[in-house]
């Protein structure tokens, strides 16, 4: 491999690395936007429900409405519960929204 070929190979690798860094930055931003959309949709579904929902049913409905996948429903719901105290786990894999005004 002569000097010109080495230089060309080096510039191609550098360009690939720069492109990957740009993709990573975009992916991180999109991931947070995606998660926010999933959370908002989960809250809407829980508010619209007449009672507690099974996690599998909630997951199916959120995924259908957003066209996004939830990789781990338990982790997703634990984070949602921390951010929104009105979301409660009623039983094993069953979630609801507790309205504080009606429980006093």
PDB file of N, CA and C in Angstrom:
ATOM      1  N   UNK A   1       0.857  -1.168   0.000  1.00  0.00           N
ATOM      2  CA  UNK A   1       0.000   0.000   0.000  1.00  0.00           C
ATOM      3  C   UNK A   1       0.904   1.232   0.000  1.00  0.00           C
ATOM      4  N   UNK A   2       0.754   2.068  -1.004  1.00  0.00           N
ATOM      5  CA  UNK A   2       1.605   3.260  -1.066  1.00  0.00           C
ATOM      6  C   UNK A   2       1.013   4.384  -0.211  1.00  0.00           C
ATOM      7  N   UNK A   3       1.701   5.500  -0.162  1.00  0.00           N
ATOM      8  CA  UNK A   3       1.324   6.617   0.708  1.00  0.00           C
ATOM      9  C   UNK A   3      -0.061   7.178   0.344  1.00  0.00           C
ATOM     10  N   UNK A   4      -0.363   7.295  -0.933  1.00  0.00           N
ATOM     11  CA  UNK A   4      -1.656   7.839  -1.375  1.00  0.00           C
ATOM     12  C   UNK A   4      -2.809   6.931  -0.938  1.00  0.00           C
ATOM     13  N   UNK A   5      -2.635   5.622  -1.055  1.00  0.00           N
ATOM     14  CA  UNK A   5      -3.671   4.681  -0.635  1.00  0.00           C
ATOM     15  C   UNK A   5      -3.886   4.748   0.867  1.00  0.00           C
ATOM     16  N   UNK A   6      -2.787   4.872   1.635  1.00  0.00           N
ATOM     17  CA  UNK A   6      -2.898   4.988   3.093  1.00  0.00           C
ATOM     18  C   UNK A   6      -3.667   6.244   3.477  1.00  0.00           C
ATOM     19  N   UNK A   7      -3.365   7.347   2.791  1.00  0.00           N
ATOM     20  CA  UNK A   7      -4.043   8.607   3.080  1.00  0.00           C
ATOM     21  C   UNK A   7      -5.535   8.503   2.774  1.00  0.00           C
ATOM     22  N   UNK A   8      -5.878   7.884   1.648  1.00  0.00           N
ATOM     23  CA  UNK A   8      -7.274   7.701   1.265  1.00  0.00           C
ATOM     24  C   UNK A   8      -7.996   6.822   2.282  1.00  0.00           C
ATOM     25  N   UNK A   9      -7.378   5.726   2.687  1.00  0.00           N
ATOM     26  CA  UNK A   9      -7.977   4.828   3.674  1.00  0.00           C
ATOM     27  C   UNK A   9      -8.182   5.548   4.997  1.00  0.00           C
ATOM     28  N   UNK A  10      -7.207   6.368   5.403  1.00  0.00           N
ATOM     29  CA  UNK A  10      -7.313   7.113   6.654  1.00  0.00           C
ATOM     30  C   UNK A  10      -8.471   8.113   6.604  1.00  0.00           C
ATOM     31  N   UNK A  11      -8.638   8.812   5.480  1.00  0.00           N
ATOM     32  CA  UNK A  11      -9.709   9.800   5.378  1.00  0.00           C
ATOM     33  C   UNK A  11     -11.076   9.120   5.360  1.00  0.00           C
ATOM     34  N   UNK A  12     -11.170   7.931   4.764  1.00  0.00           N
ATOM     35  CA  UNK A  12     -12.438   7.196   4.753  1.00  0.00           C
ATOM     36  C   UNK A  12     -12.806   6.778   6.167  1.00  0.00           C
ATOM     37  N   UNK A  13     -11.852   6.273   6.928  1.00  0.00           N
ATOM     38  CA  UNK A  13     -12.105   5.866   8.313  1.00  0.00           C
ATOM     39  C   UNK A  13     -12.512   7.072   9.142  1.00  0.00           C
ATOM     40  N   UNK A  14     -11.822   8.208   8.980  1.00  0.00           N
ATOM     41  CA  UNK A  14     -12.158   9.420   9.715  1.00  0.00           C
ATOM     42  C   UNK A  14     -13.569   9.876   9.397  1.00  0.00           C
ATOM     43  N   UNK A  15     -13.950   9.832   8.140  1.00  0.00           N
ATOM     44  CA  UNK A  15     -15.289  10.229   7.738  1.00  0.00           C
ATOM     45  C   UNK A  15     -16.328   9.300   8.350  1.00  0.00           C
ATOM     46  N   UNK A  16     -16.054   7.996   8.366  1.00  0.00           N
ATOM     47  CA  UNK A  16     -16.977   7.033   8.961  1.00  0.00           C
ATOM     48  C   UNK A  16     -17.151   7.294  10.451  1.00  0.00           C
ATOM     49  N   UNK A  17     -16.067   7.598  11.142  1.00  0.00           N
ATOM     50  CA  UNK A  17     -16.143   7.867  12.578  1.00  0.00           C
ATOM     51  C   UNK A  17     -16.965   9.119  12.834  1.00  0.00           C
ATOM     52  N   UNK A  18     -16.736  10.174  12.061  1.00  0.00           N
ATOM     53  CA  UNK A  18     -17.506  11.405  12.214  1.00  0.00           C
ATOM     54  C   UNK A  18     -18.985  11.153  11.940  1.00  0.00           C
ATOM     55  N   UNK A  19     -19.288  10.368  10.928  1.00  0.00           N
ATOM     56  CA  UNK A  19     -20.679  10.054  10.599  1.00  0.00           C
ATOM     57  C   UNK A  19     -21.327   9.257  11.726  1.00  0.00           C
ATOM     58  N   UNK A  20     -20.610   8.303  12.312  1.00  0.00           N
ATOM     59  CA  UNK A  20     -21.153   7.518  13.419  1.00  0.00           C
ATOM     60  C   UNK A  20     -21.408   8.381  14.641  1.00  0.00           C
ATOM     61  N   UNK A  21     -20.524   9.333  14.930  1.00  0.00           N
ATOM     62  CA  UNK A  21     -20.728  10.224  16.062  1.00  0.00           C
ATOM     63  C   UNK A  21     -21.979  11.068  15.861  1.00  0.00           C
ATOM     64  N   UNK A  22     -22.200  11.528  14.631  1.00  0.00           N
ATOM     65  CA  UNK A  22     -23.391  12.319  14.326  1.00  0.00           C
ATOM     66  C   UNK A  22     -24.648  11.461  14.489  1.00  0.00           C
ATOM     67  N   UNK A  23     -24.605  10.222  14.047  1.00  0.00           N
ATOM     68  CA  UNK A  23     -25.747   9.319  14.187  1.00  0.00           C
ATOM     69  C   UNK A  23     -26.039   9.075  15.663  1.00  0.00           C
ATOM     70  N   UNK A  24     -25.003   8.865  16.473  1.00  0.00           N
ATOM     71  CA  UNK A  24     -25.200   8.644  17.911  1.00  0.00           C
ATOM     72  C   UNK A  24     -25.871   9.836  18.567  1.00  0.00           C
ATOM     73  N   UNK A  25     -25.439  11.051  18.238  1.00  0.00           N
ATOM     74  CA  UNK A  25     -26.048  12.246  18.813  1.00  0.00           C
ATOM     75  C   UNK A  25     -27.516  12.327  18.438  1.00  0.00           C
ATOM     76  N   UNK A  26     -27.826  12.046  17.192  1.00  0.00           N
ATOM     77  CA  UNK A  26     -29.205  12.073  16.733  1.00  0.00           C
ATOM     78  C   UNK A  26     -30.020  10.987  17.420  1.00  0.00           C
ATOM     79  N   UNK A  27     -29.449   9.808  17.568  1.00  0.00           N
ATOM     80  CA  UNK A  27     -30.154   8.693  18.187  1.00  0.00           C
ATOM     81  C   UNK A  27     -30.496   8.996  19.639  1.00  0.00           C
ATOM     82  N   UNK A  28     -29.575   9.585  20.377  1.00  0.00           N
ATOM     83  CA  UNK A  28     -29.828   9.900  21.782  1.00  0.00           C
ATOM     84  C   UNK A  28     -30.981  10.882  21.890  1.00  0.00           C
ATOM     85  N   UNK A  29     -30.979  11.912  21.061  1.00  0.00           N
ATOM     86  CA  UNK A  29     -32.059  12.888  21.096  1.00  0.00           C
ATOM     87  C   UNK A  29     -33.377  12.217  20.733  1.00  0.00           C
ATOM     88  N   UNK A  30     -33.361  11.401  19.710  1.00  0.00           N
ATOM     89  CA  UNK A  30     -34.581  10.733  19.290  1.00  0.00           C
ATOM     90  C   UNK A  30     -35.062   9.729  20.325  1.00  0.00           C
ATOM     91  N   UNK A  31     -34.144   9.103  21.042  1.00  0.00           N
ATOM     92  CA  UNK A  31     -34.532   8.149  22.066  1.00  0.00           C
ATOM     93  C   UNK A  31     -35.320   8.848  23.174  1.00  0.00           C
ATOM     94  N   UNK A  32     -34.866  10.012  23.597  1.00  0.00           N
ATOM     95  CA  UNK A  32     -35.571  10.718  24.659  1.00  0.00           C
ATOM     96  C   UNK A  32     -36.928  11.219  24.165  1.00  0.00           C
ATOM     97  N   UNK A  33     -36.987  11.660  22.927  1.00  0.00           N
ATOM     98  CA  UNK A  33     -38.272  12.078  22.365  1.00  0.00           C
ATOM     99  C   UNK A  33     -39.212  10.889  22.254  1.00  0.00           C
ATOM    100  N   UNK A  34     -38.679   9.756  21.850  1.00  0.00           N
ATOM    101  CA  UNK A  34     -39.470   8.534  21.714  1.00  0.00           C
ATOM    102  C   UNK A  34     -40.010   8.097  23.065  1.00  0.00           C
ATOM    103  N   UNK A  35     -39.156   8.139  24.083  1.00  0.00           N
ATOM    104  CA  UNK A  35     -39.577   7.746  25.424  1.00  0.00           C
ATOM    105  C   UNK A  35     -40.645   8.689  25.959  1.00  0.00           C
ATOM    106  N   UNK A  36     -40.487   9.981  25.720  1.00  0.00           N
ATOM    107  CA  UNK A  36     -41.488  10.951  26.161  1.00  0.00           C
ATOM    108  C   UNK A  36     -42.837  10.673  25.499  1.00  0.00           C
ATOM    109  N   UNK A  37     -42.809  10.361  24.213  1.00  0.00           N
ATOM    110  CA  UNK A  37     -44.042  10.027  23.502  1.00  0.00           C
ATOM    111  C   UNK A  37     -44.691   8.779  24.090  1.00  0.00           C
ATOM    112  N   UNK A  38     -43.896   7.761  24.364  1.00  0.00           N
ATOM    113  CA  UNK A  38     -44.423   6.528  24.960  1.00  0.00           C
ATOM    114  C   UNK A  38     -45.036   6.804  26.330  1.00  0.00           C
ATOM    115  N   UNK A  39     -44.373   7.621  27.141  1.00  0.00           N
ATOM    116  CA  UNK A  39     -44.893   7.941  28.482  1.00  0.00           C
ATOM    117  C   UNK A  39     -46.215   8.698  28.403  1.00  0.00           C
ATOM    118  N   UNK A  40     -46.262   9.715  27.545  1.00  0.00           N
ATOM    119  CA  UNK A  40     -47.492  10.484  27.384  1.00  0.00           C
ATOM    120  C   UNK A  40     -48.643   9.589  26.940  1.00  0.00           C
ATOM    121  N   UNK A  41     -48.358   8.712  26.009  1.00  0.00           N
ATOM    122  CA  UNK A  41     -49.388   7.810  25.490  1.00  0.00           C
ATOM    123  C   UNK A  41     -49.846   6.843  26.572  1.00  0.00           C
ATOM    124  N   UNK A  42     -48.921   6.319  27.375  1.00  0.00           N
ATOM    125  CA  UNK A  42     -49.286   5.413  28.460  1.00  0.00           C
ATOM    126  C   UNK A  42     -50.191   6.122  29.466  1.00  0.00           C
ATOM    127  N   UNK A  43     -49.879   7.370  29.779  1.00  0.00           N
ATOM    128  CA  UNK A  43     -50.738   8.139  30.692  1.00  0.00           C
ATOM    129  C   UNK A  43     -52.134   8.323  30.106  1.00  0.00           C
ATOM    130  N   UNK A  44     -52.209   8.644  28.821  1.00  0.00           N
ATOM    131  CA  UNK A  44     -53.507   8.807  28.158  1.00  0.00           C
ATOM    132  C   UNK A  44     -54.322   7.519  28.224  1.00  0.00           C
ATOM    133  N   UNK A  45     -53.679   6.406  27.920  1.00  0.00           N
ATOM    134  CA  UNK A  45     -54.379   5.112  27.922  1.00  0.00           C
ATOM    135  C   UNK A  45     -54.885   4.800  29.333  1.00  0.00           C
ATOM    136  N   UNK A  46     -54.055   5.023  30.343  1.00  0.00           N
ATOM    137  CA  UNK A  46     -54.475   4.755  31.718  1.00  0.00           C
ATOM    138  C   UNK A  46     -55.630   5.665  32.140  1.00  0.00           C
ATOM    139  N   UNK A  47     -55.589   6.927  31.728  1.00  0.00           N
ATOM    140  CA  UNK A  47     -56.672   7.861  32.068  1.00  0.00           C
ATOM    141  C   UNK A  47     -57.969   7.482  31.371  1.00  0.00           C
ATOM    142  N   UNK A  48     -57.879   6.973  30.155  1.00  0.00           N
ATOM    143  CA  UNK A  48     -59.061   6.587  29.391  1.00  0.00           C
ATOM    144  C   UNK A  48     -59.674   5.272  29.875  1.00  0.00           C
ATOM    145  N   UNK A  49     -58.888   4.461  30.550  1.00  0.00           N
ATOM    146  CA  UNK A  49     -59.386   3.152  30.977  1.00  0.00           C
ATOM    147  C   UNK A  49     -60.378   3.305  32.122  1.00  0.00           C
ATOM    148  N   UNK A  50     -61.287   2.355  32.205  1.00  0.00           N
ATOM    149  CA  UNK A  50     -62.312   2.386  33.244  1.00  0.00           C
ATOM    150  C   UNK A  50     -61.843   1.750  34.540  1.00  0.00           C
ATOM    151  N   UNK A  51     -60.717   1.085  34.505  1.00  0.00           N
ATOM    152  CA  UNK A  51     -60.180   0.430  35.695  1.00  0.00           C
ATOM    153  C   UNK A  51     -58.724   0.091  35.465  1.00  0.00           C
ATOM    154  N   UNK A  52     -58.174  -0.719  36.348  1.00  0.00           N
ATOM    155  CA  UNK A  52     -56.770  -1.124  36.182  1.00  0.00           C
ATOM    156  C   UNK A  52     -56.560  -1.896  34.879  1.00  0.00           C
ATOM    157  N   UNK A  53     -55.373  -1.719  34.299  1.00  0.00           N
ATOM    158  CA  UNK A  53     -55.021  -2.419  33.058  1.00  0.00           C
ATOM    159  C   UNK A  53     -53.855  -3.354  33.305  1.00  0.00           C
ATOM    160  N   UNK A  54     -53.902  -4.506  32.668  1.00  0.00           N
ATOM    161  CA  UNK A  54     -52.758  -5.406  32.707  1.00  0.00           C
ATOM    162  C   UNK A  54     -51.628  -4.772  31.916  1.00  0.00           C
ATOM    163  N   UNK A  55     -50.405  -5.009  32.345  1.00  0.00           N
ATOM    164  CA  UNK A  55     -49.242  -4.456  31.668  1.00  0.00           C
ATOM    165  C   UNK A  55     -49.178  -4.841  30.206  1.00  0.00           C
ATOM    166  N   UNK A  56     -49.529  -6.082  29.894  1.00  0.00           N
ATOM    167  CA  UNK A  56     -49.490  -6.555  28.505  1.00  0.00           C
ATOM    168  C   UNK A  56     -50.493  -5.797  27.644  1.00  0.00           C
ATOM    169  N   UNK A  57     -51.691  -5.542  28.202  1.00  0.00           N
ATOM    170  CA  UNK A  57     -52.704  -4.793  27.452  1.00  0.00           C
ATOM    171  C   UNK A  57     -52.283  -3.337  27.258  1.00  0.00           C
ATOM    172  N   UNK A  58     -51.719  -2.754  28.309  1.00  0.00           N
ATOM    173  CA  UNK A  58     -51.233  -1.381  28.233  1.00  0.00           C
ATOM    174  C   UNK A  58     -50.114  -1.277  27.197  1.00  0.00           C
ATOM    175  N   UNK A  59     -49.191  -2.214  27.238  1.00  0.00           N
ATOM    176  CA  UNK A  59     -48.079  -2.225  26.288  1.00  0.00           C
ATOM    177  C   UNK A  59     -48.596  -2.327  24.858  1.00  0.00           C
ATOM    178  N   UNK A  60     -49.512  -3.234  24.621  1.00  0.00           N
ATOM    179  CA  UNK A  60     -50.070  -3.437  23.281  1.00  0.00           C
ATOM    180  C   UNK A  60     -50.732  -2.151  22.773  1.00  0.00           C
ATOM    181  N   UNK A  61     -51.503  -1.496  23.623  1.00  0.00           N
ATOM    182  CA  UNK A  61     -52.216  -0.286  23.215  1.00  0.00           C
ATOM    183  C   UNK A  61     -51.250   0.874  22.934  1.00  0.00           C
ATOM    184  N   UNK A  62     -50.259   1.039  23.799  1.00  0.00           N
ATOM    185  CA  UNK A  62     -49.270   2.118  23.609  1.00  0.00           C
ATOM    186  C   UNK A  62     -48.474   1.876  22.331  1.00  0.00           C
ATOM    187  N   UNK A  63     -48.062   0.649  22.101  1.00  0.00           N
ATOM    188  CA  UNK A  63     -47.293   0.329  20.895  1.00  0.00           C
ATOM    189  C   UNK A  63     -48.121   0.540  19.633  1.00  0.00           C
ATOM    190  N   UNK A  64     -49.410   0.222  19.680  1.00  0.00           N
ATOM    191  CA  UNK A  64     -50.271   0.422  18.516  1.00  0.00           C
ATOM    192  C   UNK A  64     -50.454   1.903  18.212  1.00  0.00           C
ATOM    193  N   UNK A  65     -50.637   2.700  19.257  1.00  0.00           N
ATOM    194  CA  UNK A  65     -50.869   4.132  19.057  1.00  0.00           C
ATOM    195  C   UNK A  65     -49.621   4.876  18.589  1.00  0.00           C
ATOM    196  N   UNK A  66     -48.453   4.439  19.034  1.00  0.00           N
ATOM    197  CA  UNK A  66     -47.221   5.169  18.730  1.00  0.00           C
ATOM    198  C   UNK A  66     -46.381   4.548  17.622  1.00  0.00           C
ATOM    199  N   UNK A  67     -46.667   3.306  17.277  1.00  0.00           N
ATOM    200  CA  UNK A  67     -45.836   2.550  16.326  1.00  0.00           C
ATOM    201  C   UNK A  67     -44.400   2.424  16.807  1.00  0.00           C
ATOM    202  N   UNK A  68     -44.205   2.412  18.117  1.00  0.00           N
ATOM    203  CA  UNK A  68     -42.896   2.228  18.749  1.00  0.00           C
ATOM    204  C   UNK A  68     -42.984   1.027  19.676  1.00  0.00           C
ATOM    205  N   UNK A  69     -41.851   0.384  19.916  1.00  0.00           N
ATOM    206  CA  UNK A  69     -41.809  -0.788  20.784  1.00  0.00           C
ATOM    207  C   UNK A  69     -41.315  -0.408  22.176  1.00  0.00           C
ATOM    208  N   UNK A  70     -41.861  -1.069  23.184  1.00  0.00           N
ATOM    209  CA  UNK A  70     -41.373  -0.952  24.549  1.00  0.00           C
ATOM    210  C   UNK A  70     -40.600  -2.235  24.815  1.00  0.00           C
ATOM    211  N   UNK A  71     -39.311  -2.107  25.014  1.00  0.00           N
ATOM    212  CA  UNK A  71     -38.456  -3.287  25.162  1.00  0.00           C
ATOM    213  C   UNK A  71     -38.704  -3.999  26.484  1.00  0.00           C
ATOM    214  N   UNK A  72     -38.824  -3.257  27.578  1.00  0.00           N
ATOM    215  CA  UNK A  72     -39.002  -3.856  28.894  1.00  0.00           C
ATOM    216  C   UNK A  72     -40.098  -3.081  29.620  1.00  0.00           C
ATOM    217  N   UNK A  73     -41.279  -3.660  29.692  1.00  0.00           N
ATOM    218  CA  UNK A  73     -42.441  -2.971  30.249  1.00  0.00           C
ATOM    219  C   UNK A  73     -42.268  -2.673  31.725  1.00  0.00           C
ATOM    220  N   UNK A  74     -41.678  -3.575  32.479  1.00  0.00           N
ATOM    221  CA  UNK A  74     -41.494  -3.356  33.923  1.00  0.00           C
ATOM    222  C   UNK A  74     -40.613  -2.140  34.164  1.00  0.00           C
ATOM    223  N   UNK A  75     -39.498  -2.055  33.474  1.00  0.00           N
ATOM    224  CA  UNK A  75     -38.602  -0.914  33.620  1.00  0.00           C
ATOM    225  C   UNK A  75     -39.289   0.369  33.175  1.00  0.00           C
ATOM    226  N   UNK A  76     -40.006   0.303  32.075  1.00  0.00           N
ATOM    227  CA  UNK A  76     -40.732   1.463  31.561  1.00  0.00           C
ATOM    228  C   UNK A  76     -41.738   1.962  32.595  1.00  0.00           C
ATOM    229  N   UNK A  77     -42.495   1.055  33.192  1.00  0.00           N
ATOM    230  CA  UNK A  77     -43.520   1.452  34.153  1.00  0.00           C
ATOM    231  C   UNK A  77     -42.914   1.941  35.471  1.00  0.00           C
ATOM    232  N   UNK A  78     -41.813   1.364  35.909  1.00  0.00           N
ATOM    233  CA  UNK A  78     -41.147   1.863  37.121  1.00  0.00           C
ATOM    234  C   UNK A  78     -40.712   3.309  36.936  1.00  0.00           C
ATOM    235  N   UNK A  79     -40.157   3.623  35.780  1.00  0.00           N
ATOM    236  CA  UNK A  79     -39.745   5.000  35.486  1.00  0.00           C
ATOM    237  C   UNK A  79     -40.968   5.916  35.419  1.00  0.00           C
ATOM    238  N   UNK A  80     -42.048   5.430  34.824  1.00  0.00           N
ATOM    239  CA  UNK A  80     -43.274   6.223  34.727  1.00  0.00           C
ATOM    240  C   UNK A  80     -43.847   6.492  36.112  1.00  0.00           C
ATOM    241  N   UNK A  81     -43.820   5.489  36.980  1.00  0.00           N
ATOM    242  CA  UNK A  81     -44.321   5.655  38.350  1.00  0.00           C
ATOM    243  C   UNK A  81     -43.505   6.694  39.122  1.00  0.00           C
ATOM    244  N   UNK A  82     -42.207   6.727  38.906  1.00  0.00           N
ATOM    245  CA  UNK A  82     -41.363   7.713  39.580  1.00  0.00           C
ATOM    246  C   UNK A  82     -41.669   9.126  39.095  1.00  0.00           C
ATOM    247  N   UNK A  83     -41.900   9.269  37.791  1.00  0.00           N
ATOM    248  CA  UNK A  83     -42.166  10.585  37.219  1.00  0.00           C
ATOM    249  C   UNK A  83     -43.592  11.062  37.481  1.00  0.00           C
ATOM    250  N   UNK A  84     -44.511  10.125  37.599  1.00  0.00           N
ATOM    251  CA  UNK A  84     -45.930  10.448  37.790  1.00  0.00           C
ATOM    252  C   UNK A  84     -46.470   9.633  38.962  1.00  0.00           C
ATOM    253  N   UNK A  85     -46.457  10.217  40.157  1.00  0.00           N
ATOM    254  CA  UNK A  85     -46.891   9.475  41.361  1.00  0.00           C
ATOM    255  C   UNK A  85     -48.337   8.992  41.306  1.00  0.00           C
ATOM    256  N   UNK A  86     -49.150   9.557  40.438  1.00  0.00           N
ATOM    257  CA  UNK A  86     -50.538   9.112  40.323  1.00  0.00           C
ATOM    258  C   UNK A  86     -50.653   7.740  39.671  1.00  0.00           C
ATOM    259  N   UNK A  87     -49.614   7.302  38.995  1.00  0.00           N
ATOM    260  CA  UNK A  87     -49.599   5.967  38.391  1.00  0.00           C
ATOM    261  C   UNK A  87     -49.180   4.972  39.468  1.00  0.00           C
ATOM    262  N   UNK A  88     -50.016   3.974  39.684  1.00  0.00           N
ATOM    263  CA  UNK A  88     -49.759   2.985  40.732  1.00  0.00           C
ATOM    264  C   UNK A  88     -49.854   1.564  40.181  1.00  0.00           C
ATOM    265  N   UNK A  89     -49.031   0.715  40.750  1.00  0.00           N
ATOM    266  CA  UNK A  89     -49.107  -0.710  40.441  1.00  0.00           C
ATOM    267  C   UNK A  89     -50.063  -1.314  41.458  1.00  0.00           C
ATOM    268  N   UNK A  90     -51.207  -1.761  40.983  1.00  0.00           N
ATOM    269  CA  UNK A  90     -52.258  -2.266  41.860  1.00  0.00           C
ATOM    270  C   UNK A  90     -51.966  -3.694  42.297  1.00  0.00           C
ATOM    271  N   UNK A  91     -51.551  -4.511  41.365  1.00  0.00           N
ATOM    272  CA  UNK A  91     -51.307  -5.919  41.610  1.00  0.00           C
ATOM    273  C   UNK A  91     -50.182  -6.348  40.675  1.00  0.00           C
ATOM    274  N   UNK A  92     -49.907  -7.625  40.618  1.00  0.00           N
ATOM    275  CA  UNK A  92     -48.839  -8.112  39.748  1.00  0.00           C
ATOM    276  C   UNK A  92     -49.143  -7.767  38.293  1.00  0.00           C
ATOM    277  N   UNK A  93     -48.359  -6.809  37.754  1.00  0.00           N
ATOM    278  CA  UNK A  93     -48.498  -6.452  36.351  1.00  0.00           C
ATOM    279  C   UNK A  93     -49.759  -5.693  36.013  1.00  0.00           C
ATOM    280  N   UNK A  94     -50.423  -5.099  36.996  1.00  0.00           N
ATOM    281  CA  UNK A  94     -51.655  -4.349  36.771  1.00  0.00           C
ATOM    282  C   UNK A  94     -51.451  -2.917  37.233  1.00  0.00           C
ATOM    283  N   UNK A  95     -51.778  -1.960  36.370  1.00  0.00           N
ATOM    284  CA  UNK A  95     -51.515  -0.552  36.644  1.00  0.00           C
ATOM    285  C   UNK A  95     -52.785   0.280  36.512  1.00  0.00           C
ATOM    286  N   UNK A  96     -52.830   1.371  37.270  1.00  0.00           N
ATOM    287  CA  UNK A  96     -53.952   2.296  37.208  1.00  0.00           C
ATOM    288  C   UNK A  96     -53.470   3.689  37.561  1.00  0.00           C
ATOM    289  N   UNK A  97     -54.362   4.662  37.382  1.00  0.00           N
ATOM    290  CA  UNK A  97     -54.090   6.028  37.828  1.00  0.00           C
ATOM    291  C   UNK A  97     -54.967   6.289  39.031  1.00  0.00           C
ATOM    292  N   UNK A  98     -54.363   6.745  40.106  1.00  0.00           N
ATOM    293  CA  UNK A  98     -55.092   7.050  41.338  1.00  0.00           C
ATOM    294  C   UNK A  98     -55.327   8.536  41.371  1.00  0.00           C
ATOM    295  N   UNK A  99     -56.588   8.927  41.470  1.00  0.00           N
ATOM    296  CA  UNK A  99     -56.939  10.332  41.562  1.00  0.00           C
ATOM    297  C   UNK A  99     -56.959  10.699  43.043  1.00  0.00           C
ATOM    298  N   UNK A 100     -56.033  11.543  43.461  1.00  0.00           N
ATOM    299  CA  UNK A 100     -55.885  11.898  44.876  1.00  0.00           C
ATOM    300  C   UNK A 100     -57.149  12.538  45.446  1.00  0.00           C
ATOM    301  N   UNK A 101     -57.891  13.306  44.664  1.00  0.00           N
ATOM    302  CA  UNK A 101     -59.082  13.989  45.140  1.00  0.00           C
ATOM    303  C   UNK A 101     -60.170  13.007  45.565  1.00  0.00           C
ATOM    304  N   UNK A 102     -60.251  11.855  44.903  1.00  0.00           N
ATOM    305  CA  UNK A 102     -61.296  10.885  45.197  1.00  0.00           C
ATOM    306  C   UNK A 102     -60.894   9.888  46.288  1.00  0.00           C
ATOM    307  N   UNK A 103     -59.619   9.841  46.643  1.00  0.00           N
ATOM    308  CA  UNK A 103     -59.192   8.845  47.626  1.00  0.00           C
ATOM    309  C   UNK A 103     -59.160   9.402  49.038  1.00  0.00           C
ATOM    310  N   UNK A 104     -59.393  10.718  49.219  1.00  0.00           N
ATOM    311  CA  UNK A 104     -59.348  11.307  50.558  1.00  0.00           C
ATOM    312  C   UNK A 104     -60.615  11.102  51.323  1.00  0.00           C
TER     313      UNK A 104
END
